[in-house]
């Protein structure tokens, strides 16, 4: 059952707000990215209530800024001007300007949001409300809730694909819920034990689900909404990201403290790169040349060069970094 629930927002007042529509990806709407353009990485620090920023090309810290309480997941707008942060203890999603790194607004969503991910056209932000068993859809332009969609138990992470669909890992149900562009739950896919992180190829034909309790990654075909392969991914994979060409999968093995690199076509592990303690989130730069990993128990972020299968840098983060995102441009 779909319920449209409008709600008030708090934070910075936004002048000149427009309606929710494809292509409107932030306060600047369809005006395009700012210049000079640089690729940024953002890590949500759950224990310090901050968002760490990095220059992704130079692997250089840019500092941390305050967000809501208990930030866990973070997503980047398609045009790169906004980072969306799931504040799990504030029950809000923070809209953070990537240039000033300040919160422009905060929208109240469901109970204990764990992830915050924009749609591919940038018009909506979806949060996985782990305490409410719902996904909340927020209009980016209007900064208000437009729908709440019931999903499985303890939704953990979300990925969106071209055309408007979303896939949500239900950590407490061992399933993935499929959400339609019209914001309705239209399918449930059985995967492995305790599904957590999720990613998709750029064209959206495959979705990859980390099964933390099974030590595997389920591969879902979005054409059939069925599991078409199961890949090895270490002992307890959490976050994952797929390379731009879809050939390599990068998964954070939270038990072995490694980034596991799996050859998707051959279905076997190609390499394991040591990272920090209890790695959680994984993100990849648009060119596929750097993989970013948050290390929750080390208070660091590791930057891995997949071409040479080793870490390029270990950078400081806030306390207990979890989710990480890289701007598309």
C-alpha atoms as a PDB file:
ATOM      1  CA  UNK A   1       0.000   0.000   0.000  1.00  0.00           C
ATOM      2  CA  UNK A   2       1.475   3.333  -1.033  1.00  0.00           C
ATOM      3  CA  UNK A   3       0.925   6.381   1.108  1.00  0.00           C
ATOM      4  CA  UNK A   4       1.854   9.884   0.020  1.00  0.00           C
ATOM      5  CA  UNK A   5       2.901  11.727   3.148  1.00  0.00           C
ATOM      6  CA  UNK A   6       3.782  15.412   2.840  1.00  0.00           C
ATOM      7  CA  UNK A   7       5.934  16.752   5.638  1.00  0.00           C
ATOM      8  CA  UNK A   8       7.574  19.952   6.722  1.00  0.00           C
ATOM      9  CA  UNK A   9      11.272  20.529   6.150  1.00  0.00           C
ATOM     10  CA  UNK A  10      13.860  22.279   8.211  1.00  0.00           C
ATOM     11  CA  UNK A  11      17.227  23.842   7.471  1.00  0.00           C
ATOM     12  CA  UNK A  12      18.191  26.611   5.097  1.00  0.00           C
ATOM     13  CA  UNK A  13      15.288  28.313   3.371  1.00  0.00           C
ATOM     14  CA  UNK A  14      15.360  27.679  -0.369  1.00  0.00           C
ATOM     15  CA  UNK A  15      14.218  30.501  -2.644  1.00  0.00           C
ATOM     16  CA  UNK A  16      12.936  29.841  -6.118  1.00  0.00           C
ATOM     17  CA  UNK A  17      12.102  26.191  -5.545  1.00  0.00           C
ATOM     18  CA  UNK A  18      10.569  24.370  -8.501  1.00  0.00           C
ATOM     19  CA  UNK A  19       8.396  21.290  -8.833  1.00  0.00           C
ATOM     20  CA  UNK A  20       9.662  17.741  -8.716  1.00  0.00           C
ATOM     21  CA  UNK A  21      10.618  16.855 -12.292  1.00  0.00           C
ATOM     22  CA  UNK A  22      13.244  14.854 -14.163  1.00  0.00           C
ATOM     23  CA  UNK A  23      16.507  16.695 -14.640  1.00  0.00           C
ATOM     24  CA  UNK A  24      16.162  18.921 -11.586  1.00  0.00           C
ATOM     25  CA  UNK A  25      19.034  17.663  -9.485  1.00  0.00           C
ATOM     26  CA  UNK A  26      19.422  20.308  -6.830  1.00  0.00           C
ATOM     27  CA  UNK A  27      18.995  23.938  -5.943  1.00  0.00           C
ATOM     28  CA  UNK A  28      20.514  24.956  -9.259  1.00  0.00           C
ATOM     29  CA  UNK A  29      18.076  22.753 -11.204  1.00  0.00           C
ATOM     30  CA  UNK A  30      19.155  21.908 -14.740  1.00  0.00           C
ATOM     31  CA  UNK A  31      21.774  24.644 -14.919  1.00  0.00           C
ATOM     32  CA  UNK A  32      24.506  21.999 -14.961  1.00  0.00           C
ATOM     33  CA  UNK A  33      27.644  21.563 -12.877  1.00  0.00           C
ATOM     34  CA  UNK A  34      29.723  24.401 -11.493  1.00  0.00           C
ATOM     35  CA  UNK A  35      33.254  25.085 -12.707  1.00  0.00           C
ATOM     36  CA  UNK A  36      36.008  24.312 -12.094  1.00  0.00           C
ATOM     37  CA  UNK A  37      34.684  20.761 -11.835  1.00  0.00           C
ATOM     38  CA  UNK A  38      36.395  18.316  -9.498  1.00  0.00           C
ATOM     39  CA  UNK A  39      35.406  14.863  -8.388  1.00  0.00           C
ATOM     40  CA  UNK A  40      34.719  14.694  -4.660  1.00  0.00           C
ATOM     41  CA  UNK A  41      34.327  11.837  -2.188  1.00  0.00           C
ATOM     42  CA  UNK A  42      32.195  12.039   0.956  1.00  0.00           C
ATOM     43  CA  UNK A  43      32.253   9.712   3.981  1.00  0.00           C
ATOM     44  CA  UNK A  44      29.508   9.679   6.640  1.00  0.00           C
ATOM     45  CA  UNK A  45      31.008   9.488  10.135  1.00  0.00           C
ATOM     46  CA  UNK A  46      28.408   7.866  12.374  1.00  0.00           C
ATOM     47  CA  UNK A  47      30.260   8.386  15.626  1.00  0.00           C
ATOM     48  CA  UNK A  48      31.142  12.060  15.170  1.00  0.00           C
ATOM     49  CA  UNK A  49      28.005  13.350  13.387  1.00  0.00           C
ATOM     50  CA  UNK A  50      30.080  14.714  10.518  1.00  0.00           C
ATOM     51  CA  UNK A  51      30.632  14.339   6.796  1.00  0.00           C
ATOM     52  CA  UNK A  52      34.254  14.112   5.631  1.00  0.00           C
ATOM     53  CA  UNK A  53      35.084  15.495   2.194  1.00  0.00           C
ATOM     54  CA  UNK A  54      37.985  14.573  -0.092  1.00  0.00           C
ATOM     55  CA  UNK A  55      39.377  15.600  -3.443  1.00  0.00           C
ATOM     56  CA  UNK A  56      38.992  12.252  -5.181  1.00  0.00           C
ATOM     57  CA  UNK A  57      41.538  12.924  -7.926  1.00  0.00           C
ATOM     58  CA  UNK A  58      44.293  14.013  -5.552  1.00  0.00           C
ATOM     59  CA  UNK A  59      43.257  11.704  -2.674  1.00  0.00           C
ATOM     60  CA  UNK A  60      43.431  14.711  -0.354  1.00  0.00           C
ATOM     61  CA  UNK A  61      41.226  15.451   2.694  1.00  0.00           C
ATOM     62  CA  UNK A  62      39.229  18.688   2.531  1.00  0.00           C
ATOM     63  CA  UNK A  63      37.891  18.644   6.075  1.00  0.00           C
ATOM     64  CA  UNK A  64      34.707  17.583   7.835  1.00  0.00           C
ATOM     65  CA  UNK A  65      31.437  19.414   8.394  1.00  0.00           C
ATOM     66  CA  UNK A  66      28.540  18.784  10.802  1.00  0.00           C
ATOM     67  CA  UNK A  67      25.367  17.039   9.626  1.00  0.00           C
ATOM     68  CA  UNK A  68      22.555  15.348  11.547  1.00  0.00           C
ATOM     69  CA  UNK A  69      22.921  12.793  14.335  1.00  0.00           C
ATOM     70  CA  UNK A  70      24.331   9.374  13.513  1.00  0.00           C
ATOM     71  CA  UNK A  71      24.967   9.753   9.758  1.00  0.00           C
ATOM     72  CA  UNK A  72      25.319   6.378   8.055  1.00  0.00           C
ATOM     73  CA  UNK A  73      24.647   6.426   4.309  1.00  0.00           C
ATOM     74  CA  UNK A  74      25.514   9.095   1.754  1.00  0.00           C
ATOM     75  CA  UNK A  75      24.634   9.550  -1.922  1.00  0.00           C
ATOM     76  CA  UNK A  76      25.693  12.109  -4.520  1.00  0.00           C
ATOM     77  CA  UNK A  77      23.400  14.001  -6.906  1.00  0.00           C
ATOM     78  CA  UNK A  78      23.903  13.203 -10.611  1.00  0.00           C
ATOM     79  CA  UNK A  79      25.165  16.718 -11.307  1.00  0.00           C
ATOM     80  CA  UNK A  80      27.490  16.627  -8.310  1.00  0.00           C
ATOM     81  CA  UNK A  81      26.159  19.705  -6.513  1.00  0.00           C
ATOM     82  CA  UNK A  82      24.557  17.962  -3.509  1.00  0.00           C
ATOM     83  CA  UNK A  83      25.402  15.130  -1.146  1.00  0.00           C
ATOM     84  CA  UNK A  84      22.474  13.452   0.589  1.00  0.00           C
ATOM     85  CA  UNK A  85      23.139  12.078   4.073  1.00  0.00           C
ATOM     86  CA  UNK A  86      20.963   9.625   6.016  1.00  0.00           C
ATOM     87  CA  UNK A  87      20.998  10.848   9.625  1.00  0.00           C
ATOM     88  CA  UNK A  88      19.964   7.666  11.429  1.00  0.00           C
ATOM     89  CA  UNK A  89      19.490   9.180  14.882  1.00  0.00           C
ATOM     90  CA  UNK A  90      17.819  12.371  13.646  1.00  0.00           C
ATOM     91  CA  UNK A  91      15.403  10.558  11.309  1.00  0.00           C
ATOM     92  CA  UNK A  92      16.329  13.060   8.599  1.00  0.00           C
ATOM     93  CA  UNK A  93      18.100  13.315   5.269  1.00  0.00           C
ATOM     94  CA  UNK A  94      20.523  16.240   5.051  1.00  0.00           C
ATOM     95  CA  UNK A  95      21.023  18.122   1.780  1.00  0.00           C
ATOM     96  CA  UNK A  96      24.704  19.155   1.784  1.00  0.00           C
ATOM     97  CA  UNK A  97      26.090  21.652  -0.739  1.00  0.00           C
ATOM     98  CA  UNK A  98      29.220  19.996  -2.145  1.00  0.00           C
ATOM     99  CA  UNK A  99      30.930  23.335  -2.750  1.00  0.00           C
ATOM    100  CA  UNK A 100      30.428  24.919   0.680  1.00  0.00           C
ATOM    101  CA  UNK A 101      29.959  21.551   2.451  1.00  0.00           C
ATOM    102  CA  UNK A 102      27.181  23.065   4.524  1.00  0.00           C
ATOM    103  CA  UNK A 103      23.721  21.630   5.167  1.00  0.00           C
ATOM    104  CA  UNK A 104      21.200  23.529   3.027  1.00  0.00           C
ATOM    105  CA  UNK A 105      18.160  21.672   4.349  1.00  0.00           C
ATOM    106  CA  UNK A 106      17.100  18.637   6.363  1.00  0.00           C
ATOM    107  CA  UNK A 107      13.938  16.675   5.611  1.00  0.00           C
ATOM    108  CA  UNK A 108      12.315  14.383   8.161  1.00  0.00           C
ATOM    109  CA  UNK A 109      11.893  10.842   6.800  1.00  0.00           C
ATOM    110  CA  UNK A 110      11.205   7.472   8.460  1.00  0.00           C
ATOM    111  CA  UNK A 111      12.601   5.868  11.597  1.00  0.00           C
ATOM    112  CA  UNK A 112      16.382   5.276  11.573  1.00  0.00           C
ATOM    113  CA  UNK A 113      17.224   5.923   7.913  1.00  0.00           C
ATOM    114  CA  UNK A 114      20.340   3.995   6.942  1.00  0.00           C
ATOM    115  CA  UNK A 115      20.829   4.962   3.294  1.00  0.00           C
ATOM    116  CA  UNK A 116      20.064   8.001   1.135  1.00  0.00           C
ATOM    117  CA  UNK A 117      20.298   7.582  -2.642  1.00  0.00           C
ATOM    118  CA  UNK A 118      19.121   9.827  -5.502  1.00  0.00           C
ATOM    119  CA  UNK A 119      17.219   8.582  -8.516  1.00  0.00           C
ATOM    120  CA  UNK A 120      19.247   8.476 -11.729  1.00  0.00           C
ATOM    121  CA  UNK A 121      17.521  11.626 -13.031  1.00  0.00           C
ATOM    122  CA  UNK A 122      18.139  13.405  -9.740  1.00  0.00           C
ATOM    123  CA  UNK A 123      14.506  14.324  -9.084  1.00  0.00           C
ATOM    124  CA  UNK A 124      14.114  12.206  -5.931  1.00  0.00           C
ATOM    125  CA  UNK A 125      16.067  10.984  -2.951  1.00  0.00           C
ATOM    126  CA  UNK A 126      15.155   7.617  -1.447  1.00  0.00           C
ATOM    127  CA  UNK A 127      15.939   6.651   2.145  1.00  0.00           C
ATOM    128  CA  UNK A 128      15.986   3.139   3.599  1.00  0.00           C
ATOM    129  CA  UNK A 129      14.182   3.514   6.928  1.00  0.00           C
ATOM    130  CA  UNK A 130      15.572   0.565   8.861  1.00  0.00           C
ATOM    131  CA  UNK A 131      13.380   1.156  11.906  1.00  0.00           C
ATOM    132  CA  UNK A 132      10.138   1.571   9.961  1.00  0.00           C
ATOM    133  CA  UNK A 133      10.496  -1.064   7.213  1.00  0.00           C
ATOM    134  CA  UNK A 134       9.814   1.598   4.607  1.00  0.00           C
ATOM    135  CA  UNK A 135      11.506   3.543   1.859  1.00  0.00           C
ATOM    136  CA  UNK A 136      10.768   7.262   1.939  1.00  0.00           C
ATOM    137  CA  UNK A 137      10.811   9.214  -1.334  1.00  0.00           C
ATOM    138  CA  UNK A 138      11.700  12.908  -1.093  1.00  0.00           C
ATOM    139  CA  UNK A 139      11.229  15.455  -3.870  1.00  0.00           C
ATOM    140  CA  UNK A 140      14.585  17.186  -4.377  1.00  0.00           C
ATOM    141  CA  UNK A 141      13.029  20.323  -5.841  1.00  0.00           C
ATOM    142  CA  UNK A 142      10.328  20.699  -3.180  1.00  0.00           C
ATOM    143  CA  UNK A 143      12.298  19.138  -0.336  1.00  0.00           C
ATOM    144  CA  UNK A 144       9.361  17.261   1.070  1.00  0.00           C
ATOM    145  CA  UNK A 145       8.230  13.675   1.366  1.00  0.00           C
ATOM    146  CA  UNK A 146       6.118  12.519  -1.577  1.00  0.00           C
ATOM    147  CA  UNK A 147       5.661   8.827  -0.685  1.00  0.00           C
ATOM    148  CA  UNK A 148       6.423   6.060   1.783  1.00  0.00           C
ATOM    149  CA  UNK A 149       6.749   2.558   0.386  1.00  0.00           C
ATOM    150  CA  UNK A 150       6.529  -0.552   2.621  1.00  0.00           C
ATOM    151  CA  UNK A 151       9.425  -2.971   2.052  1.00  0.00           C
ATOM    152  CA  UNK A 152      10.939  -5.938   3.915  1.00  0.00           C
ATOM    153  CA  UNK A 153      12.380  -5.995   7.411  1.00  0.00           C
ATOM    154  CA  UNK A 154      15.271  -3.672   8.258  1.00  0.00           C
ATOM    155  CA  UNK A 155      15.953  -2.107   4.860  1.00  0.00           C
ATOM    156  CA  UNK A 156      19.657  -1.419   4.589  1.00  0.00           C
ATOM    157  CA  UNK A 157      20.775   0.003   1.250  1.00  0.00           C
ATOM    158  CA  UNK A 158      19.303   1.212  -2.037  1.00  0.00           C
ATOM    159  CA  UNK A 159      20.440   1.421  -5.637  1.00  0.00           C
ATOM    160  CA  UNK A 160      18.572   3.144  -8.451  1.00  0.00           C
ATOM    161  CA  UNK A 161      18.724   2.305 -12.162  1.00  0.00           C
ATOM    162  CA  UNK A 162      17.853   4.170 -15.364  1.00  0.00           C
ATOM    163  CA  UNK A 163      14.117   4.341 -15.963  1.00  0.00           C
ATOM    164  CA  UNK A 164      13.226   5.036 -12.343  1.00  0.00           C
ATOM    165  CA  UNK A 165      13.274   1.655 -10.606  1.00  0.00           C
ATOM    166  CA  UNK A 166      14.977   1.117  -7.242  1.00  0.00           C
ATOM    167  CA  UNK A 167      16.272  -2.028  -5.511  1.00  0.00           C
ATOM    168  CA  UNK A 168      16.361  -2.200  -1.703  1.00  0.00           C
ATOM    169  CA  UNK A 169      18.178  -4.752   0.440  1.00  0.00           C
ATOM    170  CA  UNK A 170      15.975  -6.063   3.269  1.00  0.00           C
ATOM    171  CA  UNK A 171      18.602  -7.079   5.807  1.00  0.00           C
ATOM    172  CA  UNK A 172      16.114  -8.751   8.137  1.00  0.00           C
ATOM    173  CA  UNK A 173      14.176 -10.608   5.429  1.00  0.00           C
ATOM    174  CA  UNK A 174      17.001 -11.957   3.219  1.00  0.00           C
ATOM    175  CA  UNK A 175      15.314 -10.304   0.255  1.00  0.00           C
ATOM    176  CA  UNK A 176      15.534  -7.394  -2.167  1.00  0.00           C
ATOM    177  CA  UNK A 177      12.407  -5.319  -2.773  1.00  0.00           C
ATOM    178  CA  UNK A 178      11.865  -3.806  -6.223  1.00  0.00           C
ATOM    179  CA  UNK A 179      10.248  -0.356  -6.306  1.00  0.00           C
ATOM    180  CA  UNK A 180       8.620   0.947  -9.478  1.00  0.00           C
ATOM    181  CA  UNK A 181       9.029   4.464 -10.932  1.00  0.00           C
ATOM    182  CA  UNK A 182       5.517   5.090  -9.585  1.00  0.00           C
ATOM    183  CA  UNK A 183       6.823   4.375  -6.057  1.00  0.00           C
ATOM    184  CA  UNK A 184       5.165   1.025  -5.456  1.00  0.00           C
ATOM    185  CA  UNK A 185       6.729  -2.224  -4.289  1.00  0.00           C
ATOM    186  CA  UNK A 186       6.352  -4.471  -7.339  1.00  0.00           C
ATOM    187  CA  UNK A 187       8.535  -7.465  -6.542  1.00  0.00           C
ATOM    188  CA  UNK A 188      10.507  -9.345  -3.910  1.00  0.00           C
ATOM    189  CA  UNK A 189      13.674 -11.269  -4.788  1.00  0.00           C
ATOM    190  CA  UNK A 190      15.132 -13.894  -2.460  1.00  0.00           C
ATOM    191  CA  UNK A 191      18.914 -13.509  -2.001  1.00  0.00           C
ATOM    192  CA  UNK A 192      21.464 -14.693   0.596  1.00  0.00           C
ATOM    193  CA  UNK A 193      21.704 -14.162   4.336  1.00  0.00           C
ATOM    194  CA  UNK A 194      21.616 -10.609   5.716  1.00  0.00           C
ATOM    195  CA  UNK A 195      21.815  -8.625   2.468  1.00  0.00           C
ATOM    196  CA  UNK A 196      23.462  -5.249   2.989  1.00  0.00           C
ATOM    197  CA  UNK A 197      25.343  -3.248   0.348  1.00  0.00           C
ATOM    198  CA  UNK A 198      24.023  -2.973  -3.198  1.00  0.00           C
ATOM    199  CA  UNK A 199      25.249  -1.490  -6.472  1.00  0.00           C
ATOM    200  CA  UNK A 200      24.367  -1.537 -10.168  1.00  0.00           C
ATOM    201  CA  UNK A 201      26.105  -1.222 -13.499  1.00  0.00           C
ATOM    202  CA  UNK A 202      25.905   2.242 -15.081  1.00  0.00           C
ATOM    203  CA  UNK A 203      23.355   1.042 -17.635  1.00  0.00           C
ATOM    204  CA  UNK A 204      21.380  -0.758 -14.933  1.00  0.00           C
ATOM    205  CA  UNK A 205      21.221  -4.242 -16.433  1.00  0.00           C
ATOM    206  CA  UNK A 206      22.752  -5.937 -13.379  1.00  0.00           C
ATOM    207  CA  UNK A 207      22.396  -5.336  -9.632  1.00  0.00           C
ATOM    208  CA  UNK A 208      24.904  -6.713  -7.105  1.00  0.00           C
ATOM    209  CA  UNK A 209      23.826  -7.569  -3.543  1.00  0.00           C
ATOM    210  CA  UNK A 210      26.284  -8.250  -0.697  1.00  0.00           C
ATOM    211  CA  UNK A 211      25.065 -11.157   1.425  1.00  0.00           C
ATOM    212  CA  UNK A 212      26.975 -10.489   4.642  1.00  0.00           C
ATOM    213  CA  UNK A 213      25.891 -13.693   6.328  1.00  0.00           C
ATOM    214  CA  UNK A 214      26.639 -15.902   3.313  1.00  0.00           C
ATOM    215  CA  UNK A 215      29.963 -14.470   2.155  1.00  0.00           C
ATOM    216  CA  UNK A 216      28.586 -14.016  -1.352  1.00  0.00           C
ATOM    217  CA  UNK A 217      27.188 -11.461  -3.775  1.00  0.00           C
ATOM    218  CA  UNK A 218      23.920 -12.187  -5.591  1.00  0.00           C
ATOM    219  CA  UNK A 219      23.722 -10.885  -9.160  1.00  0.00           C
ATOM    220  CA  UNK A 220      20.241  -9.811 -10.239  1.00  0.00           C
ATOM    221  CA  UNK A 221      19.167  -9.305 -13.832  1.00  0.00           C
ATOM    222  CA  UNK A 222      16.943  -6.236 -13.947  1.00  0.00           C
ATOM    223  CA  UNK A 223      15.301  -7.564 -17.112  1.00  0.00           C
ATOM    224  CA  UNK A 224      13.861 -10.582 -15.261  1.00  0.00           C
ATOM    225  CA  UNK A 225      14.264  -9.495 -11.611  1.00  0.00           C
ATOM    226  CA  UNK A 226      15.842 -12.849 -10.883  1.00  0.00           C
ATOM    227  CA  UNK A 227      19.166 -13.919  -9.402  1.00  0.00           C
ATOM    228  CA  UNK A 228      21.296 -15.054 -12.344  1.00  0.00           C
ATOM    229  CA  UNK A 229      24.618 -15.654 -10.571  1.00  0.00           C
ATOM    230  CA  UNK A 230      26.212 -15.850  -7.139  1.00  0.00           C
ATOM    231  CA  UNK A 231      29.768 -14.567  -6.762  1.00  0.00           C
ATOM    232  CA  UNK A 232      32.337 -15.211  -4.021  1.00  0.00           C
ATOM    233  CA  UNK A 233      33.116 -12.085  -1.981  1.00  0.00           C
ATOM    234  CA  UNK A 234      35.173 -13.033   1.075  1.00  0.00           C
ATOM    235  CA  UNK A 235      33.821 -13.848   4.527  1.00  0.00           C
ATOM    236  CA  UNK A 236      31.351 -11.077   5.361  1.00  0.00           C
ATOM    237  CA  UNK A 237      30.942  -8.528   2.545  1.00  0.00           C
ATOM    238  CA  UNK A 238      29.123  -5.289   3.348  1.00  0.00           C
ATOM    239  CA  UNK A 239      29.410  -2.424   0.867  1.00  0.00           C
ATOM    240  CA  UNK A 240      30.169  -3.071  -2.786  1.00  0.00           C
ATOM    241  CA  UNK A 241      30.679  -1.219  -6.048  1.00  0.00           C
ATOM    242  CA  UNK A 242      30.933  -2.376  -9.637  1.00  0.00           C
ATOM    243  CA  UNK A 243      33.442  -1.024 -12.147  1.00  0.00           C
ATOM    244  CA  UNK A 244      32.110   1.247 -14.934  1.00  0.00           C
ATOM    245  CA  UNK A 245      32.632  -1.536 -17.496  1.00  0.00           C
ATOM    246  CA  UNK A 246      30.787  -4.067 -15.307  1.00  0.00           C
ATOM    247  CA  UNK A 247      33.698  -6.514 -15.286  1.00  0.00           C
ATOM    248  CA  UNK A 248      34.969  -6.149 -11.730  1.00  0.00           C
ATOM    249  CA  UNK A 249      33.136  -6.102  -8.413  1.00  0.00           C
ATOM    250  CA  UNK A 250      34.691  -4.548  -5.320  1.00  0.00           C
ATOM    251  CA  UNK A 251      33.360  -5.692  -1.932  1.00  0.00           C
ATOM    252  CA  UNK A 252      34.389  -4.686   1.596  1.00  0.00           C
ATOM    253  CA  UNK A 253      35.016  -7.846   3.625  1.00  0.00           C
ATOM    254  CA  UNK A 254      34.238  -6.605   7.124  1.00  0.00           C
ATOM    255  CA  UNK A 255      35.697  -9.686   8.839  1.00  0.00           C
ATOM    256  CA  UNK A 256      38.956 -10.122   6.915  1.00  0.00           C
ATOM    257  CA  UNK A 257      39.659  -6.366   6.628  1.00  0.00           C
ATOM    258  CA  UNK A 258      40.118  -6.622   2.882  1.00  0.00           C
ATOM    259  CA  UNK A 259      38.744  -5.244  -0.356  1.00  0.00           C
ATOM    260  CA  UNK A 260      37.779  -8.320  -2.349  1.00  0.00           C
ATOM    261  CA  UNK A 261      38.013  -7.903  -6.129  1.00  0.00           C
ATOM    262  CA  UNK A 262      35.901 -10.411  -8.058  1.00  0.00           C
ATOM    263  CA  UNK A 263      35.980 -11.052 -11.796  1.00  0.00           C
ATOM    264  CA  UNK A 264      32.283 -10.887 -12.671  1.00  0.00           C
ATOM    265  CA  UNK A 265      32.518 -12.830 -15.951  1.00  0.00           C
ATOM    266  CA  UNK A 266      34.611 -15.681 -14.548  1.00  0.00           C
ATOM    267  CA  UNK A 267      32.876 -15.742 -11.185  1.00  0.00           C
ATOM    268  CA  UNK A 268      36.037 -15.933  -9.129  1.00  0.00           C
ATOM    269  CA  UNK A 269      38.055 -13.735  -6.801  1.00  0.00           C
ATOM    270  CA  UNK A 270      40.901 -12.003  -8.614  1.00  0.00           C
ATOM    271  CA  UNK A 271      42.590 -10.320  -5.663  1.00  0.00           C
ATOM    272  CA  UNK A 272      42.273  -9.278  -2.033  1.00  0.00           C
ATOM    273  CA  UNK A 273      43.723  -5.944  -0.957  1.00  0.00           C
ATOM    274  CA  UNK A 274      44.285  -5.218   2.765  1.00  0.00           C
ATOM    275  CA  UNK A 275      42.465  -2.122   4.023  1.00  0.00           C
ATOM    276  CA  UNK A 276      41.601  -0.850   7.519  1.00  0.00           C
ATOM    277  CA  UNK A 277      39.662  -2.501  10.319  1.00  0.00           C
ATOM    278  CA  UNK A 278      35.989  -3.361   9.752  1.00  0.00           C
ATOM    279  CA  UNK A 279      35.567  -1.919   6.239  1.00  0.00           C
ATOM    280  CA  UNK A 280      32.003  -0.900   5.433  1.00  0.00           C
ATOM    281  CA  UNK A 281      31.328   1.375   2.466  1.00  0.00           C
ATOM    282  CA  UNK A 282      32.716   1.163  -1.058  1.00  0.00           C
ATOM    283  CA  UNK A 283      32.592   3.712  -3.869  1.00  0.00           C
ATOM    284  CA  UNK A 284      34.384   4.023  -7.190  1.00  0.00           C
ATOM    285  CA  UNK A 285      35.466   7.058  -9.177  1.00  0.00           C
ATOM    286  CA  UNK A 286      33.701   7.678 -12.521  1.00  0.00           C
ATOM    287  CA  UNK A 287      36.806   6.603 -14.484  1.00  0.00           C
ATOM    288  CA  UNK A 288      37.129   3.390 -12.480  1.00  0.00           C
ATOM    289  CA  UNK A 289      40.733   4.129 -11.518  1.00  0.00           C
ATOM    290  CA  UNK A 290      40.279   4.467  -7.758  1.00  0.00           C
ATOM    291  CA  UNK A 291      38.171   2.557  -5.236  1.00  0.00           C
ATOM    292  CA  UNK A 292      37.335   4.223  -1.912  1.00  0.00           C
ATOM    293  CA  UNK A 293      36.681   2.180   1.240  1.00  0.00           C
ATOM    294  CA  UNK A 294      35.588   3.357   4.707  1.00  0.00           C
ATOM    295  CA  UNK A 295      37.177   1.602   7.687  1.00  0.00           C
ATOM    296  CA  UNK A 296      34.756   1.931  10.586  1.00  0.00           C
ATOM    297  CA  UNK A 297      37.038   0.753  13.403  1.00  0.00           C
ATOM    298  CA  UNK A 298      40.137   2.553  12.092  1.00  0.00           C
ATOM    299  CA  UNK A 299      38.531   5.975  11.535  1.00  0.00           C
ATOM    300  CA  UNK A 300      40.132   6.029   8.091  1.00  0.00           C
ATOM    301  CA  UNK A 301      39.380   5.801   4.395  1.00  0.00           C
ATOM    302  CA  UNK A 302      41.530   3.640   2.118  1.00  0.00           C
ATOM    303  CA  UNK A 303      42.008   4.542  -1.541  1.00  0.00           C
ATOM    304  CA  UNK A 304      42.856   1.518  -3.696  1.00  0.00           C
ATOM    305  CA  UNK A 305      44.342   1.493  -7.182  1.00  0.00           C
ATOM    306  CA  UNK A 306      42.751  -1.583  -8.802  1.00  0.00           C
ATOM    307  CA  UNK A 307      45.243  -1.542 -11.689  1.00  0.00           C
ATOM    308  CA  UNK A 308      48.132  -2.487  -9.411  1.00  0.00           C
ATOM    309  CA  UNK A 309      46.028  -4.188  -6.710  1.00  0.00           C
ATOM    310  CA  UNK A 310      47.273  -2.181  -3.768  1.00  0.00           C
ATOM    311  CA  UNK A 311      46.282   0.784  -1.647  1.00  0.00           C
ATOM    312  CA  UNK A 312      47.271   4.200  -2.914  1.00  0.00           C
ATOM    313  CA  UNK A 313      46.553   6.141   0.265  1.00  0.00           C
ATOM    314  CA  UNK A 314      45.085   5.891   3.738  1.00  0.00           C
ATOM    315  CA  UNK A 315      43.329   9.092   4.761  1.00  0.00           C
ATOM    316  CA  UNK A 316      41.884  10.273   8.080  1.00  0.00           C
ATOM    317  CA  UNK A 317      38.114  10.290   8.552  1.00  0.00           C
ATOM    318  CA  UNK A 318      35.815  11.084  11.451  1.00  0.00           C
ATOM    319  CA  UNK A 319      34.754   8.555  14.061  1.00  0.00           C
ATOM    320  CA  UNK A 320      33.191   5.360  12.705  1.00  0.00           C
ATOM    321  CA  UNK A 321      32.929   6.151   8.974  1.00  0.00           C
ATOM    322  CA  UNK A 322      30.307   4.001   7.229  1.00  0.00           C
ATOM    323  CA  UNK A 323      28.775   5.088   3.930  1.00  0.00           C
ATOM    324  CA  UNK A 324      30.795   6.698   1.149  1.00  0.00           C
ATOM    325  CA  UNK A 325      29.926   8.285  -2.179  1.00  0.00           C
ATOM    326  CA  UNK A 326      31.855   9.831  -5.061  1.00  0.00           C
ATOM    327  CA  UNK A 327      30.362  12.595  -7.161  1.00  0.00           C
ATOM    328  CA  UNK A 328      29.781  11.617 -10.797  1.00  0.00           C
ATOM    329  CA  UNK A 329      31.719  14.654 -12.014  1.00  0.00           C
END
